Amino acid sequence: MGWLFMPFTSMGGHKTAKSYLDAQLTYENTLEDGTKRGLRVLASSCPGNRTYYAAAQEIVDGIAGNVFAVVCLVRWNPRSRDGHQFGYKDSAPLRR
């Protein structure tokens, strides 16, 4: 998977990589059949703005499901010449 870069103005008001990625991974959608599916972040950290680690949990119709790890590489460059100060790259899922 590739990198996604953006300017700070595209981070929805989030001031850190951790808060932005926490928000991206916390959501609920209602499907056409009425089922509600989503994720919530149980715990996360982003030491040194280099790597984001999170434990996320699936939620279906309000019932907590599987917990899994999320790992993203992070690039934080406030002085970026091209104006894209924040970037992240998620890891491919590992299934066993």
C-alpha atoms as a PDB file:
ATOM      1  CA  MET A   1       0.000   0.000   0.000  1.00  0.00           C
ATOM      2  CA  GLY A   2       1.204   3.506  -0.750  1.00  0.00           C
ATOM      3  CA  TRP A   3       1.650   6.699   1.178  1.00  0.00           C
ATOM      4  CA  LEU A   4      -1.097   9.295   1.622  1.00  0.00           C
ATOM      5  CA  PHE A   5       0.218  12.843   2.147  1.00  0.00           C
ATOM      6  CA  MET A   6      -1.769  15.963   2.967  1.00  0.00           C
ATOM      7  CA  PRO A   7      -1.365  19.507   4.263  1.00  0.00           C
ATOM      8  CA  PHE A   8      -2.215  20.234   7.887  1.00  0.00           C
ATOM      9  CA  THR A   9      -5.364  22.008   6.653  1.00  0.00           C
ATOM     10  CA  SER A  10      -6.734  18.645   5.444  1.00  0.00           C
ATOM     11  CA  MET A  11      -6.437  17.024   8.876  1.00  0.00           C
ATOM     12  CA  GLY A  12      -9.897  18.175   9.997  1.00  0.00           C
ATOM     13  CA  GLY A  13      -8.555  20.319  12.829  1.00  0.00           C
ATOM     14  CA  HIS A  14      -6.542  17.500  14.384  1.00  0.00           C
ATOM     15  CA  LYS A  15      -3.207  18.764  15.684  1.00  0.00           C
ATOM     16  CA  THR A  16      -1.309  15.462  15.827  1.00  0.00           C
ATOM     17  CA  ALA A  17      -0.889  12.350  13.720  1.00  0.00           C
ATOM     18  CA  LYS A  18      -2.270  10.272  16.603  1.00  0.00           C
ATOM     19  CA  SER A  19      -5.470  12.289  16.976  1.00  0.00           C
ATOM     20  CA  TYR A  20      -6.069  12.302  13.202  1.00  0.00           C
ATOM     21  CA  LEU A  21      -5.588   8.538  12.839  1.00  0.00           C
ATOM     22  CA  ASP A  22      -7.655   7.824  15.979  1.00  0.00           C
ATOM     23  CA  ALA A  23     -10.509   9.787  14.390  1.00  0.00           C
ATOM     24  CA  GLN A  24     -10.135   8.010  11.038  1.00  0.00           C
ATOM     25  CA  LEU A  25     -10.392   4.628  12.764  1.00  0.00           C
ATOM     26  CA  THR A  26     -13.396   5.513  14.949  1.00  0.00           C
ATOM     27  CA  TYR A  27     -16.650   5.475  13.009  1.00  0.00           C
ATOM     28  CA  GLU A  28     -20.050   3.849  12.526  1.00  0.00           C
ATOM     29  CA  ASN A  29     -21.882   3.317   9.221  1.00  0.00           C
ATOM     30  CA  THR A  30     -25.414   2.096   8.632  1.00  0.00           C
ATOM     31  CA  LEU A  31     -25.590  -0.391   5.772  1.00  0.00           C
ATOM     32  CA  GLU A  32     -28.502  -0.735   3.336  1.00  0.00           C
ATOM     33  CA  ASP A  33     -29.935  -3.632   5.359  1.00  0.00           C
ATOM     34  CA  GLY A  34     -29.956  -1.478   8.519  1.00  0.00           C
ATOM     35  CA  THR A  35     -26.956  -3.165  10.106  1.00  0.00           C
ATOM     36  CA  LYS A  36     -24.619  -0.755  11.889  1.00  0.00           C
ATOM     37  CA  ARG A  37     -20.921  -1.519  11.502  1.00  0.00           C
ATOM     38  CA  GLY A  38     -17.940   0.397  12.741  1.00  0.00           C
ATOM     39  CA  LEU A  39     -14.639   0.532  14.532  1.00  0.00           C
ATOM     40  CA  ARG A  40     -13.388   2.113  17.705  1.00  0.00           C
ATOM     41  CA  VAL A  41      -9.847   2.668  18.880  1.00  0.00           C
ATOM     42  CA  LEU A  42      -9.275   1.096  22.288  1.00  0.00           C
ATOM     43  CA  ALA A  43      -5.708   2.380  22.754  1.00  0.00           C
ATOM     44  CA  SER A  44      -3.101   4.029  20.561  1.00  0.00           C
ATOM     45  CA  SER A  45       0.267   5.741  20.532  1.00  0.00           C
ATOM     46  CA  CYS A  46       2.511   7.467  18.017  1.00  0.00           C
ATOM     47  CA  PRO A  47       5.940   7.838  19.618  1.00  0.00           C
ATOM     48  CA  GLY A  48       8.046  10.517  17.994  1.00  0.00           C
ATOM     49  CA  ASN A  49       5.488  10.930  15.178  1.00  0.00           C
ATOM     50  CA  ARG A  50       7.196   8.028  13.393  1.00  0.00           C
ATOM     51  CA  THR A  51       4.933   4.985  13.800  1.00  0.00           C
ATOM     52  CA  TYR A  52       1.279   4.836  14.857  1.00  0.00           C
ATOM     53  CA  TYR A  53       0.187   1.772  16.833  1.00  0.00           C
ATOM     54  CA  ALA A  54      -3.435   1.087  17.765  1.00  0.00           C
ATOM     55  CA  ALA A  55      -5.720  -1.616  19.073  1.00  0.00           C
ATOM     56  CA  ALA A  56      -9.043  -1.309  17.239  1.00  0.00           C
ATOM     57  CA  GLN A  57     -12.284  -3.197  17.772  1.00  0.00           C
ATOM     58  CA  GLU A  58     -15.010  -4.058  15.300  1.00  0.00           C
ATOM     59  CA  ILE A  59     -18.527  -3.086  16.379  1.00  0.00           C
ATOM     60  CA  VAL A  60     -21.651  -4.609  14.763  1.00  0.00           C
ATOM     61  CA  ASP A  61     -25.054  -3.352  15.911  1.00  0.00           C
ATOM     62  CA  GLY A  62     -23.489  -2.107  19.143  1.00  0.00           C
ATOM     63  CA  ILE A  63     -21.892  -5.467  19.945  1.00  0.00           C
ATOM     64  CA  ALA A  64     -18.123  -5.497  20.411  1.00  0.00           C
ATOM     65  CA  GLY A  65     -16.288  -7.908  18.141  1.00  0.00           C
ATOM     66  CA  ASN A  66     -12.736  -8.775  17.179  1.00  0.00           C
ATOM     67  CA  VAL A  67      -9.821  -6.667  18.361  1.00  0.00           C
ATOM     68  CA  PHE A  68      -6.908  -6.214  15.977  1.00  0.00           C
ATOM     69  CA  ALA A  69      -3.709  -4.209  15.627  1.00  0.00           C
ATOM     70  CA  VAL A  70      -3.222  -1.255  13.291  1.00  0.00           C
ATOM     71  CA  VAL A  71       0.282  -0.098  12.398  1.00  0.00           C
ATOM     72  CA  CYS A  72       0.990   2.935  10.204  1.00  0.00           C
ATOM     73  CA  LEU A  73       4.275   4.546   9.302  1.00  0.00           C
ATOM     74  CA  VAL A  74       4.053   8.310   9.798  1.00  0.00           C
ATOM     75  CA  ARG A  75       5.891  11.217   8.214  1.00  0.00           C
ATOM     76  CA  TRP A  76       5.546  14.559   9.999  1.00  0.00           C
ATOM     77  CA  ASN A  77       7.315  17.428   8.267  1.00  0.00           C
ATOM     78  CA  PRO A  78       6.024  20.892   9.281  1.00  0.00           C
ATOM     79  CA  ARG A  79       8.542  22.548   6.926  1.00  0.00           C
ATOM     80  CA  SER A  80       7.628  20.563   3.827  1.00  0.00           C
ATOM     81  CA  ARG A  81       8.402  22.512   0.658  1.00  0.00           C
ATOM     82  CA  ASP A  82       5.404  21.139  -1.241  1.00  0.00           C
ATOM     83  CA  GLY A  83       2.933  21.883   1.570  1.00  0.00           C
ATOM     84  CA  HIS A  84       2.162  18.246   2.385  1.00  0.00           C
ATOM     85  CA  GLN A  85       3.310  18.163   6.004  1.00  0.00           C
ATOM     86  CA  PHE A  86       1.659  14.924   7.152  1.00  0.00           C
ATOM     87  CA  GLY A  87       1.682  11.498   5.582  1.00  0.00           C
ATOM     88  CA  TYR A  88       0.934   7.941   6.608  1.00  0.00           C
ATOM     89  CA  LYS A  89       1.209   4.475   5.169  1.00  0.00           C
ATOM     90  CA  ASP A  90      -0.868   1.666   6.606  1.00  0.00           C
ATOM     91  CA  SER A  91       0.431  -1.867   6.785  1.00  0.00           C
ATOM     92  CA  ALA A  92      -1.122  -4.683   4.804  1.00  0.00           C
ATOM     93  CA  PRO A  93      -3.359  -6.916   6.917  1.00  0.00           C
ATOM     94  CA  LEU A  94      -1.753 -10.092   8.168  1.00  0.00           C
ATOM     95  CA  ARG A  95      -4.212 -12.958   8.442  1.00  0.00           C
ATOM     96  CA  ARG A  96      -3.451 -16.337   9.926  1.00  0.00           C
END
